[in-house]
Amino acid sequence: MELLNEIWQTARRNKLRTGLTGFAVAWGIFMLIVLLGAGNGLINANLQQSERFLSNSMVVFGGRTSKPYQGLKEGRWINLQSRDIEATESSFKDHIDEVGANYSVSATISYGQEYISTSVTGIYPNHTKIDKTEMLQGRFINQVDIQQKRKVLVLSSKQAKELEPKGYLNLLGKEVKVGDFMFKVVGIYKDEENGQAEAFSAYSTIKGIYGANTDNAGNIEFTFHGLPTEEANDQFEKDYRQRINANHSAHPEDESAIWLWNRFTQNLQMQTGIGIIRTFLWIVGLFTLLSGIVGVSNIMLITVKERTHEFGIRKAIGAKPWSILRLIIVESVIITTFFGYIGMLLGIIANEYMDATLGHNEIDTGLFKATMFVDPTVGLDVCFEATMVMVIAGTIAGLIPAFKASRIRPIEALRAD
């Protein structure tokens, strides 16, 4: 108690010095926690968006040629056809698992007096794996629907609520009118909040009704395996592009003839970017902590210099080196612990404020609205570890001048300016 009381009296006599030391400690921990929280918010938002899709999947779109080939000029529009789906299934069996396609049309869906104008997309059963879909009621499109060309429909919850405001789940099993045809509602899925909803049906049904007289097969989508690296994916894309381009008399290296959306490569690039962000944040945060440590060390040196006379008197009346060493070390530990805890609390409060404000801000991408920050916080373990690092570093910083002070001769201490 006498030691603590002595430290308290010293702090009261040197308010500015103690305040500056505390500020350096608190600021270092505060900035580390805030930086890591902001970085985690951005990273979690990106991860949330990427989880909407299956990573080992690709979607193929028709494009426009950018190179002349075999006497044909550039600028031709390429529509994917049934033979491209067959080539995808037969030529790349070593890597491709499930092949599907989607064919979208605009249509009016009506039920009683209610109607909506929306997009109706014919798909294969693997679509719900590639674009992850959560069913609220009923089922999704299956292989029997494809084979028998059933007029079945899967609506989003938003569409179902517009068609049946009194109880949208009651639409399940009912027939609705799609254009001039009656379709049976077999499922209702949970659509993305604030996103563009679309209705789904069997690919063979929609293609047969709306695209029977055209070669356009829509977009191809498939899952794959055995391509663990970015180099393997690039080689696969090159081979696949050459094969599909050959079907349309396009240059084998024309990357504009068809477009490949490779979710796996996108995921690899995102993971690399996340790693860079995490490393950068930790480097900046650690240098911020280092500035706090340097501040503590400098101020402890000043403290020892100012109290040189006092230490000389203490040693002259019989104080042992350990008592002086203990006094400075305990003072350093108490200051860094107290202000480090304050910095930690302020950092947590700042992160919670970001979560309550920026964590609910959305950006409209045109297709859906995305949240910029998701859970921009830091775990309590990181907060405590950062505080302990500062306490230990502050103790070590105070140990050096304390050791010098404990070894000073009384006569030298009394002569010091």
Protein backbone atom coordinates (compact mmCIF):
# COMPACT_ATOMS: atom_id res chain seq x y z
CA MET A 1 0.00 0.00 0.00
CA GLU A 2 2.87 2.36 0.80
CA LEU A 3 4.35 1.65 -2.63
CA LEU A 4 1.04 2.32 -4.39
CA ASN A 5 0.50 5.49 -2.38
CA GLU A 6 3.98 6.70 -3.30
CA ILE A 7 3.31 6.04 -7.01
CA TRP A 8 -0.01 7.90 -6.73
CA GLN A 9 1.65 10.91 -5.15
CA THR A 10 4.31 10.92 -7.87
CA ALA A 11 1.63 10.78 -10.59
CA ARG A 12 -0.26 13.68 -8.97
CA ARG A 13 2.87 15.81 -8.85
CA ASN A 14 3.60 15.09 -12.52
CA LYS A 15 0.17 15.15 -14.14
CA LEU A 16 1.39 16.19 -17.59
CA ARG A 17 4.10 13.55 -17.74
CA THR A 18 1.73 10.82 -16.55
CA GLY A 19 -0.98 11.99 -18.95
CA LEU A 20 1.38 11.95 -21.94
CA THR A 21 2.59 8.47 -21.04
CA GLY A 22 -0.97 7.23 -20.68
CA PHE A 23 -2.05 8.85 -23.93
CA ALA A 24 0.77 7.15 -25.85
CA VAL A 25 -0.26 3.77 -24.45
CA ALA A 26 -4.01 4.24 -24.91
CA TRP A 27 -3.64 5.66 -28.43
CA GLY A 28 -1.50 2.74 -29.58
CA ILE A 29 -3.98 0.12 -28.42
CA PHE A 30 -7.00 2.18 -29.58
CA MET A 31 -5.63 2.55 -33.12
CA LEU A 32 -4.69 -1.14 -33.36
CA ILE A 33 -8.19 -2.28 -32.37
CA VAL A 34 -9.94 0.26 -34.63
CA LEU A 35 -7.75 -0.61 -37.63
CA LEU A 36 -8.28 -4.33 -37.16
CA GLY A 37 -12.02 -3.80 -36.66
CA ALA A 38 -12.37 -1.73 -39.84
CA GLY A 39 -10.35 -4.29 -41.78
CA ASN A 40 -12.44 -7.16 -40.45
CA GLY A 41 -15.61 -5.29 -41.44
CA LEU A 42 -14.44 -4.97 -45.06
CA ILE A 43 -13.21 -8.57 -45.16
CA ASN A 44 -16.42 -9.98 -43.67
CA ALA A 45 -18.51 -8.01 -46.19
CA ASN A 46 -16.53 -9.49 -49.09
CA LEU A 47 -16.76 -12.98 -47.65
CA GLN A 48 -20.51 -12.62 -47.22
CA GLN A 49 -20.92 -11.70 -50.89
CA SER A 50 -18.68 -14.55 -52.05
CA GLU A 51 -20.72 -17.06 -50.04
CA ARG A 52 -23.68 -16.40 -52.33
CA PHE A 53 -22.00 -18.55 -54.99
CA LEU A 54 -20.32 -21.96 -55.10
CA SER A 55 -16.58 -21.32 -55.42
CA ASN A 56 -15.76 -24.24 -57.74
CA SER A 57 -18.21 -23.22 -60.46
CA MET A 58 -18.15 -21.34 -63.75
CA VAL A 59 -20.73 -19.51 -65.83
CA VAL A 60 -20.21 -19.10 -69.57
CA PHE A 61 -21.72 -16.15 -71.50
CA GLY A 62 -21.80 -15.44 -75.19
CA GLY A 63 -19.75 -12.45 -76.30
CA ARG A 64 -18.56 -10.63 -79.40
CA THR A 65 -15.53 -11.56 -81.48
CA SER A 66 -12.59 -9.17 -81.37
CA LYS A 67 -10.38 -10.85 -84.01
CA PRO A 68 -10.99 -11.79 -87.67
CA TYR A 69 -10.76 -15.53 -88.33
CA GLN A 70 -11.22 -17.81 -91.36
CA GLY A 71 -12.42 -14.96 -93.55
CA LEU A 72 -14.94 -13.74 -90.96
CA LYS A 73 -14.70 -10.21 -89.61
CA GLU A 74 -14.48 -9.26 -85.97
CA GLY A 75 -17.52 -7.88 -84.19
CA ARG A 76 -19.78 -10.94 -84.63
CA TRP A 77 -22.12 -11.70 -81.74
CA ILE A 78 -21.76 -15.23 -80.36
CA ASN A 79 -24.81 -16.98 -78.90
CA LEU A 80 -24.15 -20.21 -77.03
CA GLN A 81 -25.97 -23.19 -78.52
CA SER A 82 -27.00 -26.72 -77.59
CA ARG A 83 -23.82 -28.12 -79.15
CA ASP A 84 -21.80 -25.97 -76.74
CA ILE A 85 -23.60 -27.61 -73.80
CA GLU A 86 -22.91 -31.04 -75.30
CA ALA A 87 -19.24 -30.14 -75.89
CA THR A 88 -18.93 -28.99 -72.27
CA GLU A 89 -20.31 -32.33 -71.04
CA SER A 90 -18.31 -34.59 -73.36
CA SER A 91 -14.92 -32.88 -73.81
CA PHE A 92 -14.00 -32.00 -70.22
CA LYS A 93 -15.16 -34.99 -68.17
CA ASP A 94 -11.88 -35.05 -66.22
CA HIS A 95 -12.77 -31.82 -64.44
CA ILE A 96 -16.43 -30.94 -65.00
CA ASP A 97 -19.03 -32.51 -62.69
CA GLU A 98 -22.52 -31.17 -63.42
CA VAL A 99 -23.43 -29.13 -66.49
CA GLY A 100 -26.50 -26.96 -66.72
CA ALA A 101 -27.75 -23.86 -68.46
CA ASN A 102 -30.12 -20.98 -67.89
CA TYR A 103 -32.42 -19.24 -70.33
CA SER A 104 -34.14 -16.04 -69.18
CA VAL A 105 -37.20 -14.31 -70.62
CA SER A 106 -39.37 -11.44 -69.48
CA ALA A 107 -42.95 -12.42 -68.68
CA THR A 108 -46.02 -11.36 -66.76
CA ILE A 109 -47.11 -13.66 -63.93
CA SER A 110 -50.70 -13.27 -62.73
CA TYR A 111 -52.79 -14.83 -59.98
CA GLY A 112 -56.36 -13.68 -59.65
CA GLN A 113 -56.37 -9.90 -59.82
CA GLU A 114 -52.70 -9.56 -58.96
CA TYR A 115 -49.85 -9.62 -61.47
CA ILE A 116 -46.14 -8.88 -61.69
CA SER A 117 -43.72 -8.33 -64.57
CA THR A 118 -40.53 -10.18 -63.91
CA SER A 119 -37.81 -12.42 -65.32
CA VAL A 120 -38.55 -16.13 -65.64
CA THR A 121 -35.42 -18.26 -65.94
CA GLY A 122 -35.30 -21.84 -67.13
CA ILE A 123 -32.59 -23.68 -65.23
CA TYR A 124 -31.19 -27.13 -64.44
CA PRO A 125 -31.26 -28.62 -60.90
CA ASN A 126 -27.60 -27.73 -60.31
CA HIS A 127 -28.44 -24.02 -60.37
CA THR A 128 -29.41 -24.04 -56.70
CA LYS A 129 -25.92 -25.36 -55.84
CA ILE A 130 -24.08 -22.81 -57.98
CA ASP A 131 -26.16 -19.79 -56.95
CA LYS A 132 -26.95 -20.88 -53.41
CA THR A 133 -30.69 -20.79 -52.83
CA GLU A 134 -32.53 -21.21 -49.54
CA MET A 135 -35.97 -22.76 -49.93
CA LEU A 136 -38.71 -21.50 -47.61
CA GLN A 137 -41.41 -23.90 -48.78
CA GLY A 138 -41.75 -26.68 -51.32
CA ARG A 139 -38.96 -27.81 -53.65
CA PHE A 140 -36.67 -26.61 -56.41
CA ILE A 141 -36.57 -27.71 -60.04
CA ASN A 142 -35.55 -31.38 -60.42
CA GLN A 143 -34.44 -33.66 -63.24
CA VAL A 144 -37.93 -35.08 -63.80
CA ASP A 145 -39.18 -31.54 -64.51
CA ILE A 146 -36.47 -31.23 -67.18
CA GLN A 147 -37.20 -34.60 -68.78
CA GLN A 148 -40.99 -34.19 -68.85
CA LYS A 149 -40.94 -30.46 -69.65
CA ARG A 150 -43.24 -29.78 -66.72
CA LYS A 151 -44.80 -26.34 -66.37
CA VAL A 152 -43.68 -25.80 -62.80
CA LEU A 153 -42.57 -22.57 -61.18
CA VAL A 154 -40.43 -21.58 -58.20
CA LEU A 155 -41.14 -18.05 -56.95
CA SER A 156 -39.18 -15.78 -54.64
CA SER A 157 -40.80 -14.75 -51.38
CA LYS A 158 -41.01 -11.17 -52.67
CA GLN A 159 -42.88 -12.25 -55.81
CA ALA A 160 -45.17 -14.55 -53.84
CA LYS A 161 -46.10 -11.73 -51.45
CA GLU A 162 -47.05 -9.49 -54.36
CA LEU A 163 -49.23 -12.17 -55.93
CA GLU A 164 -50.84 -13.27 -52.66
CA PRO A 165 -50.57 -10.52 -50.02
CA LYS A 166 -52.86 -12.33 -47.56
CA GLY A 167 -50.55 -15.33 -47.20
CA TYR A 168 -47.87 -15.93 -49.75
CA LEU A 169 -47.15 -19.51 -48.64
CA ASN A 170 -50.69 -20.38 -49.72
CA LEU A 171 -49.50 -20.11 -53.33
CA LEU A 172 -47.71 -23.43 -52.99
CA GLY A 173 -49.50 -26.00 -55.17
CA LYS A 174 -51.65 -23.33 -56.88
CA GLU A 175 -51.56 -22.51 -60.57
CA VAL A 176 -50.50 -19.09 -61.81
CA LYS A 177 -50.52 -17.72 -65.33
CA VAL A 178 -47.15 -17.09 -66.99
CA GLY A 179 -47.84 -15.26 -70.24
CA ASP A 180 -50.46 -17.47 -71.94
CA PHE A 181 -49.62 -20.66 -70.04
CA MET A 182 -50.60 -22.04 -66.65
CA PHE A 183 -47.74 -23.05 -64.34
CA LYS A 184 -47.95 -24.83 -60.99
CA VAL A 185 -46.07 -23.24 -58.08
CA VAL A 186 -43.92 -25.99 -56.52
CA GLY A 187 -41.60 -23.92 -54.34
CA ILE A 188 -40.90 -20.54 -52.75
CA TYR A 189 -37.34 -19.49 -52.04
CA LYS A 190 -35.79 -16.77 -49.92
CA ASP A 191 -34.55 -14.03 -52.22
CA GLU A 192 -31.71 -11.64 -51.51
CA GLU A 193 -32.88 -8.62 -49.54
CA ASN A 194 -33.24 -5.62 -51.87
CA GLY A 195 -32.08 -7.79 -54.78
CA GLN A 196 -33.76 -8.39 -58.12
CA ALA A 197 -36.07 -11.39 -57.75
CA GLU A 198 -36.60 -13.88 -60.55
CA ALA A 199 -38.84 -16.90 -61.00
CA PHE A 200 -37.42 -20.28 -61.97
CA SER A 201 -38.78 -23.07 -64.12
CA ALA A 202 -37.42 -26.10 -65.96
CA TYR A 203 -34.91 -25.22 -68.67
CA SER A 204 -36.57 -27.50 -71.24
CA THR A 205 -39.96 -25.90 -70.58
CA ILE A 206 -38.89 -22.26 -70.94
CA LYS A 207 -36.62 -23.01 -73.90
CA GLY A 208 -39.39 -24.99 -75.60
CA ILE A 209 -41.98 -22.22 -75.14
CA TYR A 210 -39.93 -19.09 -75.72
CA GLY A 211 -36.81 -20.25 -77.57
CA ALA A 212 -37.89 -23.16 -79.75
CA ASN A 213 -37.21 -21.20 -82.95
CA THR A 214 -33.76 -19.91 -81.99
CA ASP A 215 -30.32 -21.47 -81.60
CA ASN A 216 -29.61 -19.37 -78.53
CA ALA A 217 -29.16 -21.73 -75.57
CA GLY A 218 -28.70 -18.98 -72.97
CA ASN A 219 -25.78 -19.26 -70.55
CA ILE A 220 -23.92 -22.42 -69.55
CA GLU A 221 -23.09 -23.11 -65.91
CA PHE A 222 -21.21 -26.02 -64.39
CA THR A 223 -19.31 -27.23 -61.34
CA PHE A 224 -15.78 -28.61 -61.54
CA HIS A 225 -13.00 -30.26 -59.54
CA GLY A 226 -9.27 -30.92 -59.76
CA LEU A 227 -8.19 -27.32 -60.47
CA PRO A 228 -6.56 -26.30 -57.17
CA THR A 229 -4.32 -23.49 -58.43
CA GLU A 230 -4.77 -20.32 -60.43
CA GLU A 231 -2.41 -21.69 -63.10
CA ALA A 232 -4.53 -24.84 -63.50
CA ASN A 233 -7.66 -22.73 -63.83
CA ASP A 234 -6.05 -20.48 -66.43
CA GLN A 235 -5.01 -23.51 -68.51
CA PHE A 236 -8.51 -25.00 -68.26
CA GLU A 237 -10.08 -21.70 -69.33
CA LYS A 238 -7.72 -21.53 -72.31
CA ASP A 239 -8.57 -25.09 -73.42
CA TYR A 240 -12.28 -24.59 -72.85
CA ARG A 241 -12.32 -21.30 -74.76
CA GLN A 242 -10.55 -22.89 -77.73
CA ARG A 243 -13.10 -25.72 -77.80
CA ILE A 244 -16.17 -23.47 -77.70
CA ASN A 245 -14.66 -20.88 -80.06
CA ALA A 246 -14.14 -23.68 -82.61
CA ASN A 247 -17.91 -24.27 -82.61
CA HIS A 248 -18.45 -20.68 -83.77
CA SER A 249 -15.48 -20.23 -86.15
CA ALA A 250 -13.89 -17.77 -83.73
CA HIS A 251 -10.14 -17.33 -83.20
CA PRO A 252 -8.88 -19.86 -80.59
CA GLU A 253 -7.31 -17.07 -78.51
CA ASP A 254 -10.20 -14.61 -78.82
CA GLU A 255 -11.13 -13.97 -75.19
CA SER A 256 -14.09 -11.75 -76.14
CA ALA A 257 -15.96 -14.39 -78.13
CA ILE A 258 -17.18 -16.00 -74.89
CA TRP A 259 -16.93 -14.77 -71.33
CA LEU A 260 -16.02 -17.05 -68.43
CA TRP A 261 -17.00 -16.16 -64.89
CA ASN A 262 -14.71 -18.38 -62.83
CA ARG A 263 -15.78 -18.15 -59.20
CA PHE A 264 -12.81 -20.21 -58.00
CA THR A 265 -10.22 -17.87 -59.52
CA GLN A 266 -12.18 -14.93 -58.16
CA ASN A 267 -12.15 -16.56 -54.72
CA LEU A 268 -8.38 -17.18 -54.90
CA GLN A 269 -7.76 -13.54 -55.81
CA MET A 270 -10.03 -12.39 -53.01
CA GLN A 271 -8.21 -14.59 -50.48
CA THR A 272 -4.89 -13.12 -51.63
CA GLY A 273 -6.30 -9.62 -51.27
CA ILE A 274 -7.63 -10.43 -47.80
CA GLY A 275 -4.21 -11.72 -46.75
CA ILE A 276 -2.56 -8.51 -47.96
CA ILE A 277 -5.12 -6.37 -46.10
CA ARG A 278 -4.67 -8.34 -42.87
CA THR A 279 -0.87 -8.10 -43.09
CA PHE A 280 -1.00 -4.36 -43.83
CA LEU A 281 -3.36 -3.70 -40.91
CA TRP A 282 -1.20 -5.66 -38.49
CA ILE A 283 1.97 -3.90 -39.65
CA VAL A 284 0.35 -0.47 -39.23
CA GLY A 285 -1.14 -1.50 -35.90
CA LEU A 286 2.13 -2.88 -34.57
CA PHE A 287 4.00 0.27 -35.58
CA THR A 288 1.33 2.25 -33.76
CA LEU A 289 1.93 0.09 -30.70
CA LEU A 290 5.65 0.63 -31.16
CA SER A 291 5.16 4.39 -31.07
CA GLY A 292 3.39 3.96 -27.74
CA ILE A 293 6.24 1.81 -26.44
CA VAL A 294 8.79 4.42 -27.52
CA GLY A 295 6.71 7.10 -25.80
CA VAL A 296 6.65 5.11 -22.57
CA SER A 297 10.38 4.48 -22.76
CA ASN A 298 11.23 8.14 -23.35
CA ILE A 299 9.01 9.35 -20.56
CA MET A 300 10.41 6.76 -18.17
CA LEU A 301 13.92 8.00 -19.02
CA ILE A 302 12.79 11.53 -18.23
CA THR A 303 11.23 10.28 -15.02
CA VAL A 304 14.47 8.70 -13.88
CA LYS A 305 16.46 11.79 -14.81
CA GLU A 306 14.10 14.09 -12.87
CA ARG A 307 14.21 11.85 -9.79
CA THR A 308 17.98 11.31 -9.76
CA HIS A 309 18.40 13.43 -6.63
CA GLU A 310 15.60 11.51 -4.93
CA PHE A 311 17.19 8.17 -5.75
CA GLY A 312 20.54 9.42 -4.44
CA ILE A 313 18.97 10.40 -1.12
CA ARG A 314 17.17 7.05 -0.90
CA LYS A 315 20.42 5.15 -1.43
CA ALA A 316 22.27 7.42 1.00
CA ILE A 317 19.83 6.52 3.79
CA GLY A 318 20.07 2.81 3.08
CA ALA A 319 17.65 2.02 0.24
CA LYS A 320 18.67 -1.08 -1.67
CA PRO A 321 18.87 -1.12 -5.51
CA TRP A 322 15.92 -3.53 -5.71
CA SER A 323 13.58 -1.08 -3.94
CA ILE A 324 14.35 1.63 -6.53
CA LEU A 325 14.08 -0.89 -9.36
CA ARG A 326 10.76 -2.14 -8.04
CA LEU A 327 9.39 1.40 -7.67
CA ILE A 328 10.01 2.33 -11.31
CA ILE A 329 8.88 -1.04 -12.71
CA VAL A 330 5.63 -1.07 -10.71
CA GLU A 331 4.92 2.51 -11.77
CA SER A 332 5.47 1.54 -15.43
CA VAL A 333 3.21 -1.54 -15.11
CA ILE A 334 0.40 0.38 -13.42
CA ILE A 335 0.43 3.24 -15.94
CA THR A 336 0.53 0.97 -19.01
CA THR A 337 -2.12 -1.38 -17.59
CA PHE A 338 -4.54 1.37 -16.59
CA PHE A 339 -4.27 3.43 -19.76
CA GLY A 340 -3.99 0.33 -21.93
CA TYR A 341 -7.34 -0.82 -20.53
CA ILE A 342 -8.84 2.58 -21.31
CA GLY A 343 -7.51 2.39 -24.88
CA MET A 344 -8.96 -1.10 -25.24
CA LEU A 345 -12.40 0.02 -24.04
CA LEU A 346 -12.40 3.06 -26.35
CA GLY A 347 -11.37 0.83 -29.28
CA ILE A 348 -14.22 -1.60 -28.56
CA ILE A 349 -16.68 1.29 -28.31
CA ALA A 350 -15.44 2.71 -31.63
CA ASN A 351 -15.88 -0.69 -33.31
CA GLU A 352 -19.38 -1.05 -31.92
CA TYR A 353 -20.19 2.41 -33.25
CA MET A 354 -18.92 1.40 -36.71
CA ASP A 355 -21.06 -1.72 -36.52
CA ALA A 356 -24.14 0.32 -35.61
CA THR A 357 -23.61 2.90 -38.37
CA LEU A 358 -21.41 1.75 -41.27
CA GLY A 359 -22.42 -1.85 -40.59
CA HIS A 360 -25.94 -1.03 -41.82
CA ASN A 361 -25.04 1.09 -44.85
CA GLU A 362 -25.76 -0.52 -48.20
CA ILE A 363 -24.51 0.13 -51.72
CA ASP A 364 -26.81 -0.48 -54.67
CA THR A 365 -24.90 -2.51 -57.28
CA GLY A 366 -27.79 -2.49 -59.73
CA LEU A 367 -28.48 -6.21 -59.29
CA PHE A 368 -28.53 -6.26 -55.50
CA LYS A 369 -27.64 -4.15 -52.50
CA ALA A 370 -24.50 -5.03 -50.60
CA THR A 371 -23.38 -4.06 -47.10
CA MET A 372 -19.98 -2.37 -47.01
CA PHE A 373 -19.17 -3.37 -43.41
CA VAL A 374 -20.23 -6.62 -41.76
CA ASP A 375 -19.38 -7.09 -38.08
CA PRO A 376 -16.47 -4.58 -37.99
CA THR A 377 -15.25 -5.79 -34.61
CA VAL A 378 -12.24 -7.51 -33.06
CA GLY A 379 -12.34 -10.49 -30.75
CA LEU A 380 -11.76 -9.89 -27.05
CA ASP A 381 -8.75 -12.21 -27.22
CA VAL A 382 -7.03 -9.81 -29.65
CA CYS A 383 -7.92 -6.84 -27.43
CA PHE A 384 -6.45 -8.46 -24.33
CA GLU A 385 -3.38 -9.68 -26.20
CA ALA A 386 -2.69 -6.19 -27.55
CA THR A 387 -3.07 -4.75 -24.06
CA MET A 388 -0.72 -7.37 -22.60
CA VAL A 389 1.85 -6.67 -25.32
CA MET A 390 1.77 -2.99 -24.40
CA VAL A 391 2.03 -3.77 -20.67
CA ILE A 392 4.99 -6.11 -21.16
CA ALA A 393 6.69 -3.74 -23.61
CA GLY A 394 6.07 -0.79 -21.27
CA THR A 395 7.56 -2.77 -18.40
CA ILE A 396 10.65 -3.60 -20.46
CA ALA A 397 10.88 0.03 -21.55
CA GLY A 398 10.83 1.11 -17.90
CA LEU A 399 13.26 -1.61 -16.87
CA ILE A 400 16.25 -0.10 -18.69
CA PRO A 401 16.21 3.33 -16.99
CA ALA A 402 15.20 1.64 -13.71
CA PHE A 403 18.26 -0.60 -13.84
CA LYS A 404 20.49 2.42 -14.47
CA ALA A 405 18.87 4.29 -11.60
CA SER A 406 19.33 1.38 -9.19
CA ARG A 407 23.07 1.22 -9.92
CA ILE A 408 23.82 4.95 -9.63
CA ARG A 409 26.14 5.92 -6.74
CA PRO A 410 24.57 8.27 -4.13
CA ILE A 411 27.29 10.92 -4.53
CA GLU A 412 26.79 10.99 -8.33
CA ALA A 413 23.03 11.18 -7.92
CA LEU A 414 23.27 14.14 -5.57
CA ARG A 415 25.57 15.99 -7.97
CA ALA A 416 23.31 15.44 -10.99
CA ASP A 417 21.55 18.45 -12.48
